Amino acid sequence: MRSTNGTWMRFRVVRSSAASRDVTENAIWWADHRSREQAVRWLDLAILKLESLGNDPSRHPPCDENFAIPDVTIRQLNFGFGPRPTHRILFSVTGSEVFVY
């Protein structure tokens, strides 16, 4: 399976409707409160990070809320523009699928 940048992914990344909605709403927030250019940069970065989960999702640590769902390891990918991450992606891995919450 290929990502939008043409690289091969070992895992299929599946976004929940809530995750897709959150990405859209965050991009709109950036456009309204920062700038349209920053919103585009943030959206590009978020999509890049989401797609990166298709390569090696287990490299990311379990999140603090991992205990909430028995028998499922919930992991997190932190990201942001600067040296301090401002956003995180919560996900789990089952077989060859990464499910983004």
PDB file of N, CA and C in Angstrom:
ATOM      1  N   MET A   1       0.848  -1.158   0.000  1.00  0.00           N
ATOM      2  CA  MET A   1       0.000   0.000   0.000  1.00  0.00           C
ATOM      3  C   MET A   1       0.899   1.229   0.000  1.00  0.00           C
ATOM      4  N   ARG A   2       0.570   2.234  -0.813  1.00  0.00           N
ATOM      5  CA  ARG A   2       1.379   3.450  -0.918  1.00  0.00           C
ATOM      6  C   ARG A   2       0.717   4.612  -0.203  1.00  0.00           C
ATOM      7  N   SER A   3       1.546   5.455   0.406  1.00  0.00           N
ATOM      8  CA  SER A   3       1.041   6.684   1.017  1.00  0.00           C
ATOM      9  C   SER A   3       0.920   7.741  -0.078  1.00  0.00           C
ATOM     10  N   THR A   4       0.422   8.917   0.295  1.00  0.00           N
ATOM     11  CA  THR A   4       0.271   9.979  -0.698  1.00  0.00           C
ATOM     12  C   THR A   4       1.611  10.494  -1.202  1.00  0.00           C
ATOM     13  N   ASN A   5       2.700  10.265  -0.438  1.00  0.00           N
ATOM     14  CA  ASN A   5       4.009  10.709  -0.925  1.00  0.00           C
ATOM     15  C   ASN A   5       4.744   9.614  -1.685  1.00  0.00           C
ATOM     16  N   GLY A   6       4.064   8.485  -1.937  1.00  0.00           N
ATOM     17  CA  GLY A   6       4.625   7.442  -2.786  1.00  0.00           C
ATOM     18  C   GLY A   6       5.426   6.368  -2.074  1.00  0.00           C
ATOM     19  N   THR A   7       5.588   6.476  -0.743  1.00  0.00           N
ATOM     20  CA  THR A   7       6.344   5.455  -0.027  1.00  0.00           C
ATOM     21  C   THR A   7       5.431   4.277   0.308  1.00  0.00           C
ATOM     22  N   TRP A   8       6.044   3.120   0.492  1.00  0.00           N
ATOM     23  CA  TRP A   8       5.277   1.919   0.835  1.00  0.00           C
ATOM     24  C   TRP A   8       5.034   1.877   2.331  1.00  0.00           C
ATOM     25  N   MET A   9       3.820   1.490   2.720  1.00  0.00           N
ATOM     26  CA  MET A   9       3.466   1.376   4.124  1.00  0.00           C
ATOM     27  C   MET A   9       3.171  -0.087   4.444  1.00  0.00           C
ATOM     28  N   ARG A  10       3.601  -0.529   5.610  1.00  0.00           N
ATOM     29  CA  ARG A  10       3.333  -1.905   6.032  1.00  0.00           C
ATOM     30  C   ARG A  10       1.985  -2.037   6.709  1.00  0.00           C
ATOM     31  N   PHE A  11       1.481  -0.934   7.267  1.00  0.00           N
ATOM     32  CA  PHE A  11       0.210  -0.949   7.986  1.00  0.00           C
ATOM     33  C   PHE A  11      -0.787  -0.030   7.290  1.00  0.00           C
ATOM     34  N   ARG A  12      -2.040  -0.408   7.329  1.00  0.00           N
ATOM     35  CA  ARG A  12      -3.121   0.427   6.795  1.00  0.00           C
ATOM     36  C   ARG A  12      -3.577   1.350   7.916  1.00  0.00           C
ATOM     37  N   VAL A  13      -3.578   2.660   7.683  1.00  0.00           N
ATOM     38  CA  VAL A  13      -3.990   3.639   8.682  1.00  0.00           C
ATOM     39  C   VAL A  13      -5.463   3.965   8.458  1.00  0.00           C
ATOM     40  N   VAL A  14      -6.271   3.736   9.492  1.00  0.00           N
ATOM     41  CA  VAL A  14      -7.713   3.976   9.432  1.00  0.00           C
ATOM     42  C   VAL A  14      -8.045   5.049  10.459  1.00  0.00           C
ATOM     43  N   ARG A  15      -8.618   6.160   9.985  1.00  0.00           N
ATOM     44  CA  ARG A  15      -9.003   7.249  10.891  1.00  0.00           C
ATOM     45  C   ARG A  15     -10.468   7.121  11.273  1.00  0.00           C
ATOM     46  N   SER A  16     -10.760   7.270  12.553  1.00  0.00           N
ATOM     47  CA  SER A  16     -12.155   7.328  12.985  1.00  0.00           C
ATOM     48  C   SER A  16     -12.767   8.619  12.449  1.00  0.00           C
ATOM     49  N   SER A  17     -14.077   8.682  12.408  1.00  0.00           N
ATOM     50  CA  SER A  17     -14.727   9.917  11.958  1.00  0.00           C
ATOM     51  C   SER A  17     -14.375  11.058  12.903  1.00  0.00           C
ATOM     52  N   ALA A  18     -14.232  10.770  14.195  1.00  0.00           N
ATOM     53  CA  ALA A  18     -13.845  11.805  15.158  1.00  0.00           C
ATOM     54  C   ALA A  18     -12.435  12.324  14.862  1.00  0.00           C
ATOM     55  N   ALA A  19     -11.514  11.435  14.508  1.00  0.00           N
ATOM     56  CA  ALA A  19     -10.147  11.851  14.194  1.00  0.00           C
ATOM     57  C   ALA A  19     -10.126  12.735  12.951  1.00  0.00           C
ATOM     58  N   SER A  20     -10.863  12.352  11.923  1.00  0.00           N
ATOM     59  CA  SER A  20     -10.929  13.172  10.702  1.00  0.00           C
ATOM     60  C   SER A  20     -11.532  14.543  11.000  1.00  0.00           C
ATOM     61  N   ARG A  21     -12.568  14.547  11.821  1.00  0.00           N
ATOM     62  CA  ARG A  21     -13.224  15.806  12.199  1.00  0.00           C
ATOM     63  C   ARG A  21     -12.258  16.682  13.008  1.00  0.00           C
ATOM     64  N   ASP A  22     -11.515  16.085  13.939  1.00  0.00           N
ATOM     65  CA  ASP A  22     -10.559  16.842  14.749  1.00  0.00           C
ATOM     66  C   ASP A  22      -9.487  17.495  13.889  1.00  0.00           C
ATOM     67  N   VAL A  23      -8.970  16.778  12.905  1.00  0.00           N
ATOM     68  CA  VAL A  23      -7.944  17.345  12.022  1.00  0.00           C
ATOM     69  C   VAL A  23      -8.511  18.550  11.277  1.00  0.00           C
ATOM     70  N   THR A  24      -9.703  18.404  10.739  1.00  0.00           N
ATOM     71  CA  THR A  24     -10.341  19.508  10.011  1.00  0.00           C
ATOM     72  C   THR A  24     -10.593  20.699  10.926  1.00  0.00           C
ATOM     73  N   GLU A  25     -11.144  20.442  12.107  1.00  0.00           N
ATOM     74  CA  GLU A  25     -11.446  21.529  13.042  1.00  0.00           C
ATOM     75  C   GLU A  25     -10.182  22.233  13.529  1.00  0.00           C
ATOM     76  N   ASN A  26      -9.105  21.474  13.745  1.00  0.00           N
ATOM     77  CA  ASN A  26      -7.848  22.103  14.146  1.00  0.00           C
ATOM     78  C   ASN A  26      -7.278  22.979  13.045  1.00  0.00           C
ATOM     79  N   ALA A  27      -7.365  22.534  11.814  1.00  0.00           N
ATOM     80  CA  ALA A  27      -6.877  23.350  10.688  1.00  0.00           C
ATOM     81  C   ALA A  27      -7.697  24.638  10.575  1.00  0.00           C
ATOM     82  N   ILE A  28      -8.995  24.546  10.757  1.00  0.00           N
ATOM     83  CA  ILE A  28      -9.850  25.740  10.720  1.00  0.00           C
ATOM     84  C   ILE A  28      -9.474  26.681  11.863  1.00  0.00           C
ATOM     85  N   TRP A  29      -9.233  26.138  13.043  1.00  0.00           N
ATOM     86  CA  TRP A  29      -8.826  26.964  14.178  1.00  0.00           C
ATOM     87  C   TRP A  29      -7.535  27.710  13.861  1.00  0.00           C
ATOM     88  N   TRP A  30      -6.552  27.004  13.297  1.00  0.00           N
ATOM     89  CA  TRP A  30      -5.282  27.652  12.935  1.00  0.00           C
ATOM     90  C   TRP A  30      -5.530  28.794  11.944  1.00  0.00           C
ATOM     91  N   ALA A  31      -6.389  28.554  10.972  1.00  0.00           N
ATOM     92  CA  ALA A  31      -6.671  29.595   9.975  1.00  0.00           C
ATOM     93  C   ALA A  31      -7.347  30.798  10.625  1.00  0.00           C
ATOM     94  N   ASP A  32      -8.240  30.572  11.570  1.00  0.00           N
ATOM     95  CA  ASP A  32      -8.970  31.660  12.223  1.00  0.00           C
ATOM     96  C   ASP A  32      -8.151  32.402  13.270  1.00  0.00           C
ATOM     97  N   HIS A  33      -7.243  31.700  13.979  1.00  0.00           N
ATOM     98  CA  HIS A  33      -6.530  32.294  15.108  1.00  0.00           C
ATOM     99  C   HIS A  33      -5.051  32.570  14.849  1.00  0.00           C
ATOM    100  N   ARG A  34      -4.520  32.005  13.838  1.00  0.00           N
ATOM    101  CA  ARG A  34      -3.109  32.242  13.487  1.00  0.00           C
ATOM    102  C   ARG A  34      -3.070  32.850  12.085  1.00  0.00           C
ATOM    103  N   SER A  35      -2.918  31.968  11.118  1.00  0.00           N
ATOM    104  CA  SER A  35      -2.929  32.429   9.725  1.00  0.00           C
ATOM    105  C   SER A  35      -3.289  31.255   8.827  1.00  0.00           C
ATOM    106  N   ARG A  36      -3.748  31.592   7.638  1.00  0.00           N
ATOM    107  CA  ARG A  36      -4.079  30.557   6.666  1.00  0.00           C
ATOM    108  C   ARG A  36      -2.831  29.742   6.306  1.00  0.00           C
ATOM    109  N   GLU A  37      -1.689  30.427   6.177  1.00  0.00           N
ATOM    110  CA  GLU A  37      -0.443  29.738   5.837  1.00  0.00           C
ATOM    111  C   GLU A  37      -0.056  28.745   6.930  1.00  0.00           C
ATOM    112  N   GLN A  38      -0.186  29.154   8.201  1.00  0.00           N
ATOM    113  CA  GLN A  38       0.120  28.242   9.291  1.00  0.00           C
ATOM    114  C   GLN A  38      -0.863  27.080   9.328  1.00  0.00           C
ATOM    115  N   ALA A  39      -2.118  27.360   8.992  1.00  0.00           N
ATOM    116  CA  ALA A  39      -3.117  26.283   8.951  1.00  0.00           C
ATOM    117  C   ALA A  39      -2.738  25.240   7.914  1.00  0.00           C
ATOM    118  N   VAL A  40      -2.293  25.681   6.770  1.00  0.00           N
ATOM    119  CA  VAL A  40      -1.882  24.750   5.706  1.00  0.00           C
ATOM    120  C   VAL A  40      -0.656  23.961   6.157  1.00  0.00           C
ATOM    121  N   ARG A  41       0.310  24.651   6.772  1.00  0.00           N
ATOM    122  CA  ARG A  41       1.504  23.957   7.278  1.00  0.00           C
ATOM    123  C   ARG A  41       1.131  22.932   8.340  1.00  0.00           C
ATOM    124  N   TRP A  42       0.227  23.325   9.263  1.00  0.00           N
ATOM    125  CA  TRP A  42      -0.196  22.401  10.316  1.00  0.00           C
ATOM    126  C   TRP A  42      -0.905  21.190   9.710  1.00  0.00           C
ATOM    127  N   LEU A  43      -1.810  21.427   8.758  1.00  0.00           N
ATOM    128  CA  LEU A  43      -2.545  20.339   8.122  1.00  0.00           C
ATOM    129  C   LEU A  43      -1.591  19.396   7.387  1.00  0.00           C
ATOM    130  N   ASP A  44      -0.632  19.953   6.659  1.00  0.00           N
ATOM    131  CA  ASP A  44       0.360  19.123   5.961  1.00  0.00           C
ATOM    132  C   ASP A  44       1.152  18.268   6.954  1.00  0.00           C
ATOM    133  N   LEU A  45       1.542  18.878   8.087  1.00  0.00           N
ATOM    134  CA  LEU A  45       2.298  18.153   9.099  1.00  0.00           C
ATOM    135  C   LEU A  45       1.441  17.054   9.726  1.00  0.00           C
ATOM    136  N   ALA A  46       0.187  17.365  10.039  1.00  0.00           N
ATOM    137  CA  ALA A  46      -0.705  16.365  10.643  1.00  0.00           C
ATOM    138  C   ALA A  46      -0.896  15.174   9.711  1.00  0.00           C
ATOM    139  N   ILE A  47      -1.110  15.440   8.442  1.00  0.00           N
ATOM    140  CA  ILE A  47      -1.295  14.353   7.474  1.00  0.00           C
ATOM    141  C   ILE A  47      -0.011  13.532   7.342  1.00  0.00           C
ATOM    142  N   LEU A  48       1.127  14.199   7.308  1.00  0.00           N
ATOM    143  CA  LEU A  48       2.414  13.494   7.242  1.00  0.00           C
ATOM    144  C   LEU A  48       2.592  12.584   8.454  1.00  0.00           C
ATOM    145  N   LYS A  49       2.256  13.084   9.638  1.00  0.00           N
ATOM    146  CA  LYS A  49       2.400  12.280  10.857  1.00  0.00           C
ATOM    147  C   LYS A  49       1.418  11.105  10.862  1.00  0.00           C
ATOM    148  N   LEU A  50       0.184  11.352  10.426  1.00  0.00           N
ATOM    149  CA  LEU A  50      -0.790  10.258  10.335  1.00  0.00           C
ATOM    150  C   LEU A  50      -0.296   9.169   9.390  1.00  0.00           C
ATOM    151  N   GLU A  51       0.200   9.574   8.231  1.00  0.00           N
ATOM    152  CA  GLU A  51       0.699   8.590   7.270  1.00  0.00           C
ATOM    153  C   GLU A  51       1.918   7.846   7.784  1.00  0.00           C
ATOM    154  N   SER A  52       2.737   8.515   8.607  1.00  0.00           N
ATOM    155  CA  SER A  52       3.944   7.860   9.120  1.00  0.00           C
ATOM    156  C   SER A  52       3.607   6.662  10.000  1.00  0.00           C
ATOM    157  N   LEU A  53       2.388   6.625  10.527  1.00  0.00           N
ATOM    158  CA  LEU A  53       1.971   5.486  11.350  1.00  0.00           C
ATOM    159  C   LEU A  53       1.904   4.195  10.542  1.00  0.00           C
ATOM    160  N   GLY A  54       1.831   4.292   9.225  1.00  0.00           N
ATOM    161  CA  GLY A  54       1.781   3.116   8.381  1.00  0.00           C
ATOM    162  C   GLY A  54       3.106   2.384   8.280  1.00  0.00           C
ATOM    163  N   ASN A  55       4.180   2.998   8.740  1.00  0.00           N
ATOM    164  CA  ASN A  55       5.495   2.377   8.610  1.00  0.00           C
ATOM    165  C   ASN A  55       5.927   1.594   9.844  1.00  0.00           C
ATOM    166  N   ASP A  56       5.870   2.191  11.018  1.00  0.00           N
ATOM    167  CA  ASP A  56       6.310   1.498  12.231  1.00  0.00           C
ATOM    168  C   ASP A  56       5.599   2.090  13.444  1.00  0.00           C
ATOM    169  N   PRO A  57       4.316   1.803  13.599  1.00  0.00           N
ATOM    170  CA  PRO A  57       3.556   2.435  14.677  1.00  0.00           C
ATOM    171  C   PRO A  57       4.018   2.037  16.078  1.00  0.00           C
ATOM    172  N   SER A  58       4.643   0.884  16.227  1.00  0.00           N
ATOM    173  CA  SER A  58       5.044   0.432  17.559  1.00  0.00           C
ATOM    174  C   SER A  58       6.212   1.230  18.128  1.00  0.00           C
ATOM    175  N   ARG A  59       6.820   2.095  17.328  1.00  0.00           N
ATOM    176  CA  ARG A  59       7.922   2.918  17.836  1.00  0.00           C
ATOM    177  C   ARG A  59       7.427   4.016  18.771  1.00  0.00           C
ATOM    178  N   HIS A  60       6.112   4.248  18.788  1.00  0.00           N
ATOM    179  CA  HIS A  60       5.531   5.273  19.644  1.00  0.00           C
ATOM    180  C   HIS A  60       5.060   4.648  20.953  1.00  0.00           C
ATOM    181  N   PRO A  61       5.241   5.368  22.063  1.00  0.00           N
ATOM    182  CA  PRO A  61       4.929   4.791  23.376  1.00  0.00           C
ATOM    183  C   PRO A  61       3.431   4.743  23.665  1.00  0.00           C
ATOM    184  N   PRO A  62       3.052   3.884  24.606  1.00  0.00           N
ATOM    185  CA  PRO A  62       1.663   3.907  25.066  1.00  0.00           C
ATOM    186  C   PRO A  62       1.358   5.264  25.718  1.00  0.00           C
ATOM    187  N   CYS A  63       0.117   5.706  25.598  1.00  0.00           N
ATOM    188  CA  CYS A  63      -0.285   6.978  26.202  1.00  0.00           C
ATOM    189  C   CYS A  63      -0.633   6.765  27.672  1.00  0.00           C
ATOM    190  N   ASP A  64      -0.740   7.850  28.415  1.00  0.00           N
ATOM    191  CA  ASP A  64      -1.073   7.765  29.841  1.00  0.00           C
ATOM    192  C   ASP A  64      -2.444   7.140  30.064  1.00  0.00           C
ATOM    193  N   GLU A  65      -3.370   7.316  29.112  1.00  0.00           N
ATOM    194  CA  GLU A  65      -4.723   6.778  29.232  1.00  0.00           C
ATOM    195  C   GLU A  65      -4.831   5.328  28.777  1.00  0.00           C
ATOM    196  N   ASN A  66      -3.730   4.689  28.535  1.00  0.00           N
ATOM    197  CA  ASN A  66      -3.696   3.337  27.986  1.00  0.00           C
ATOM    198  C   ASN A  66      -4.542   2.348  28.782  1.00  0.00           C
ATOM    199  N   PHE A  67      -4.685   2.559  30.076  1.00  0.00           N
ATOM    200  CA  PHE A  67      -5.432   1.646  30.937  1.00  0.00           C
ATOM    201  C   PHE A  67      -6.940   1.661  30.662  1.00  0.00           C
ATOM    202  N   ALA A  68      -7.447   2.646  29.940  1.00  0.00           N
ATOM    203  CA  ALA A  68      -8.893   2.858  29.780  1.00  0.00           C
ATOM    204  C   ALA A  68      -9.600   1.740  29.008  1.00  0.00           C
ATOM    205  N   ILE A  69      -8.907   1.109  28.090  1.00  0.00           N
ATOM    206  CA  ILE A  69      -9.525   0.051  27.288  1.00  0.00           C
ATOM    207  C   ILE A  69      -8.726  -1.234  27.506  1.00  0.00           C
ATOM    208  N   PRO A  70      -9.301  -2.194  28.232  1.00  0.00           N
ATOM    209  CA  PRO A  70      -8.578  -3.447  28.481  1.00  0.00           C
ATOM    210  C   PRO A  70      -8.253  -4.173  27.173  1.00  0.00           C
ATOM    211  N   ASP A  71      -7.115  -4.836  27.155  1.00  0.00           N
ATOM    212  CA  ASP A  71      -6.679  -5.676  26.032  1.00  0.00           C
ATOM    213  C   ASP A  71      -6.327  -4.894  24.770  1.00  0.00           C
ATOM    214  N   VAL A  72      -6.245  -3.569  24.856  1.00  0.00           N
ATOM    215  CA  VAL A  72      -5.838  -2.746  23.711  1.00  0.00           C
ATOM    216  C   VAL A  72      -4.752  -1.792  24.191  1.00  0.00           C
ATOM    217  N   THR A  73      -3.647  -1.739  23.459  1.00  0.00           N
ATOM    218  CA  THR A  73      -2.601  -0.780  23.770  1.00  0.00           C
ATOM    219  C   THR A  73      -2.864   0.488  22.967  1.00  0.00           C
ATOM    220  N   ILE A  74      -3.131   1.571  23.662  1.00  0.00           N
ATOM    221  CA  ILE A  74      -3.338   2.860  23.012  1.00  0.00           C
ATOM    222  C   ILE A  74      -2.016   3.605  23.048  1.00  0.00           C
ATOM    223  N   ARG A  75      -1.536   3.942  21.874  1.00  0.00           N
ATOM    224  CA  ARG A  75      -0.249   4.623  21.738  1.00  0.00           C
ATOM    225  C   ARG A  75      -0.462   6.083  21.367  1.00  0.00           C
ATOM    226  N   GLN A  76       0.606   6.861  21.459  1.00  0.00           N
ATOM    227  CA  GLN A  76       0.506   8.265  21.081  1.00  0.00           C
ATOM    228  C   GLN A  76       1.702   8.698  20.257  1.00  0.00           C
ATOM    229  N   LEU A  77       1.421   9.573  19.320  1.00  0.00           N
ATOM    230  CA  LEU A  77       2.447  10.231  18.517  1.00  0.00           C
ATOM    231  C   LEU A  77       2.277  11.721  18.798  1.00  0.00           C
ATOM    232  N   ASN A  78       3.300  12.331  19.400  1.00  0.00           N
ATOM    233  CA  ASN A  78       3.281  13.765  19.692  1.00  0.00           C
ATOM    234  C   ASN A  78       3.929  14.519  18.547  1.00  0.00           C
ATOM    235  N   PHE A  79       3.360  15.680  18.205  1.00  0.00           N
ATOM    236  CA  PHE A  79       3.955  16.471  17.136  1.00  0.00           C
ATOM    237  C   PHE A  79       3.613  17.942  17.309  1.00  0.00           C
ATOM    238  N   GLY A  80       4.351  18.777  16.615  1.00  0.00           N
ATOM    239  CA  GLY A  80       4.130  20.219  16.627  1.00  0.00           C
ATOM    240  C   GLY A  80       5.198  20.902  15.789  1.00  0.00           C
ATOM    241  N   PHE A  81       5.059  22.196  15.612  1.00  0.00           N
ATOM    242  CA  PHE A  81       6.018  22.944  14.796  1.00  0.00           C
ATOM    243  C   PHE A  81       7.339  23.193  15.505  1.00  0.00           C
ATOM    244  N   GLY A  82       7.284  23.502  16.769  1.00  0.00           N
ATOM    245  CA  GLY A  82       8.487  23.870  17.511  1.00  0.00           C
ATOM    246  C   GLY A  82       9.109  22.703  18.233  1.00  0.00           C
ATOM    247  N   PRO A  83      10.006  23.008  19.178  1.00  0.00           N
ATOM    248  CA  PRO A  83      10.691  21.954  19.921  1.00  0.00           C
ATOM    249  C   PRO A  83       9.776  21.235  20.912  1.00  0.00           C
ATOM    250  N   ARG A  84       8.644  21.843  21.242  1.00  0.00           N
ATOM    251  CA  ARG A  84       7.710  21.237  22.191  1.00  0.00           C
ATOM    252  C   ARG A  84       6.447  20.819  21.451  1.00  0.00           C
ATOM    253  N   PRO A  85       6.119  19.526  21.491  1.00  0.00           N
ATOM    254  CA  PRO A  85       4.908  19.075  20.790  1.00  0.00           C
ATOM    255  C   PRO A  85       3.657  19.746  21.358  1.00  0.00           C
ATOM    256  N   THR A  86       2.749  20.107  20.472  1.00  0.00           N
ATOM    257  CA  THR A  86       1.508  20.771  20.876  1.00  0.00           C
ATOM    258  C   THR A  86       0.281  19.913  20.614  1.00  0.00           C
ATOM    259  N   HIS A  87       0.441  18.842  19.868  1.00  0.00           N
ATOM    260  CA  HIS A  87      -0.679  17.971  19.520  1.00  0.00           C
ATOM    261  C   HIS A  87      -0.237  16.516  19.646  1.00  0.00           C
ATOM    262  N   ARG A  88      -1.221  15.650  19.761  1.00  0.00           N
ATOM    263  CA  ARG A  88      -0.891  14.233  19.777  1.00  0.00           C
ATOM    264  C   ARG A  88      -1.956  13.455  19.022  1.00  0.00           C
ATOM    265  N   ILE A  89      -1.531  12.322  18.522  1.00  0.00           N
ATOM    266  CA  ILE A  89      -2.410  11.396  17.806  1.00  0.00           C
ATOM    267  C   ILE A  89      -2.490  10.136  18.660  1.00  0.00           C
ATOM    268  N   LEU A  90      -3.700   9.734  19.021  1.00  0.00           N
ATOM    269  CA  LEU A  90      -3.906   8.502  19.784  1.00  0.00           C
ATOM    270  C   LEU A  90      -4.339   7.404  18.825  1.00  0.00           C
ATOM    271  N   PHE A  91      -3.756   6.221  18.966  1.00  0.00           N
ATOM    272  CA  PHE A  91      -4.042   5.136  18.033  1.00  0.00           C
ATOM    273  C   PHE A  91      -3.758   3.790  18.665  1.00  0.00           C
ATOM    274  N   SER A  92      -4.279   2.749  18.041  1.00  0.00           N
ATOM    275  CA  SER A  92      -3.968   1.374  18.434  1.00  0.00           C
ATOM    276  C   SER A  92      -3.628   0.594  17.167  1.00  0.00           C
ATOM    277  N   VAL A  93      -2.954  -0.523  17.361  1.00  0.00           N
ATOM    278  CA  VAL A  93      -2.544  -1.371  16.247  1.00  0.00           C
ATOM    279  C   VAL A  93      -3.162  -2.745  16.436  1.00  0.00           C
ATOM    280  N   THR A  94      -3.860  -3.212  15.406  1.00  0.00           N
ATOM    281  CA  THR A  94      -4.421  -4.558  15.412  1.00  0.00           C
ATOM    282  C   THR A  94      -4.082  -5.205  14.084  1.00  0.00           C
ATOM    283  N   GLY A  95      -3.294  -6.269  14.145  1.00  0.00           N
ATOM    284  CA  GLY A  95      -2.884  -6.938  12.911  1.00  0.00           C
ATOM    285  C   GLY A  95      -2.099  -5.960  12.039  1.00  0.00           C
ATOM    286  N   SER A  96      -2.592  -5.727  10.830  1.00  0.00           N
ATOM    287  CA  SER A  96      -1.892  -4.820   9.910  1.00  0.00           C
ATOM    288  C   SER A  96      -2.615  -3.475   9.789  1.00  0.00           C
ATOM    289  N   GLU A  97      -3.469  -3.155  10.776  1.00  0.00           N
ATOM    290  CA  GLU A  97      -4.183  -1.877  10.751  1.00  0.00           C
ATOM    291  C   GLU A  97      -3.840  -1.015  11.947  1.00  0.00           C
ATOM    292  N   VAL A  98      -3.709   0.271  11.683  1.00  0.00           N
ATOM    293  CA  VAL A  98      -3.538   1.280  12.726  1.00  0.00           C
ATOM    294  C   VAL A  98      -4.850   2.032  12.768  1.00  0.00           C
ATOM    295  N   PHE A  99      -5.504   2.028  13.931  1.00  0.00           N
ATOM    296  CA  PHE A  99      -6.771   2.734  14.077  1.00  0.00           C
ATOM    297  C   PHE A  99      -6.525   4.012  14.857  1.00  0.00           C
ATOM    298  N   VAL A 100      -6.806   5.150  14.223  1.00  0.00           N
ATOM    299  CA  VAL A 100      -6.590   6.464  14.836  1.00  0.00           C
ATOM    300  C   VAL A 100      -7.884   6.917  15.488  1.00  0.00           C
ATOM    301  N   TYR A 101      -7.778   7.201  16.782  1.00  0.00           N
ATOM    302  CA  TYR A 101      -8.945   7.635  17.537  1.00  0.00           C
ATOM    303  C   TYR A 101      -9.184   9.118  17.361  1.00  0.00           C
TER     304      TYR A 101
END
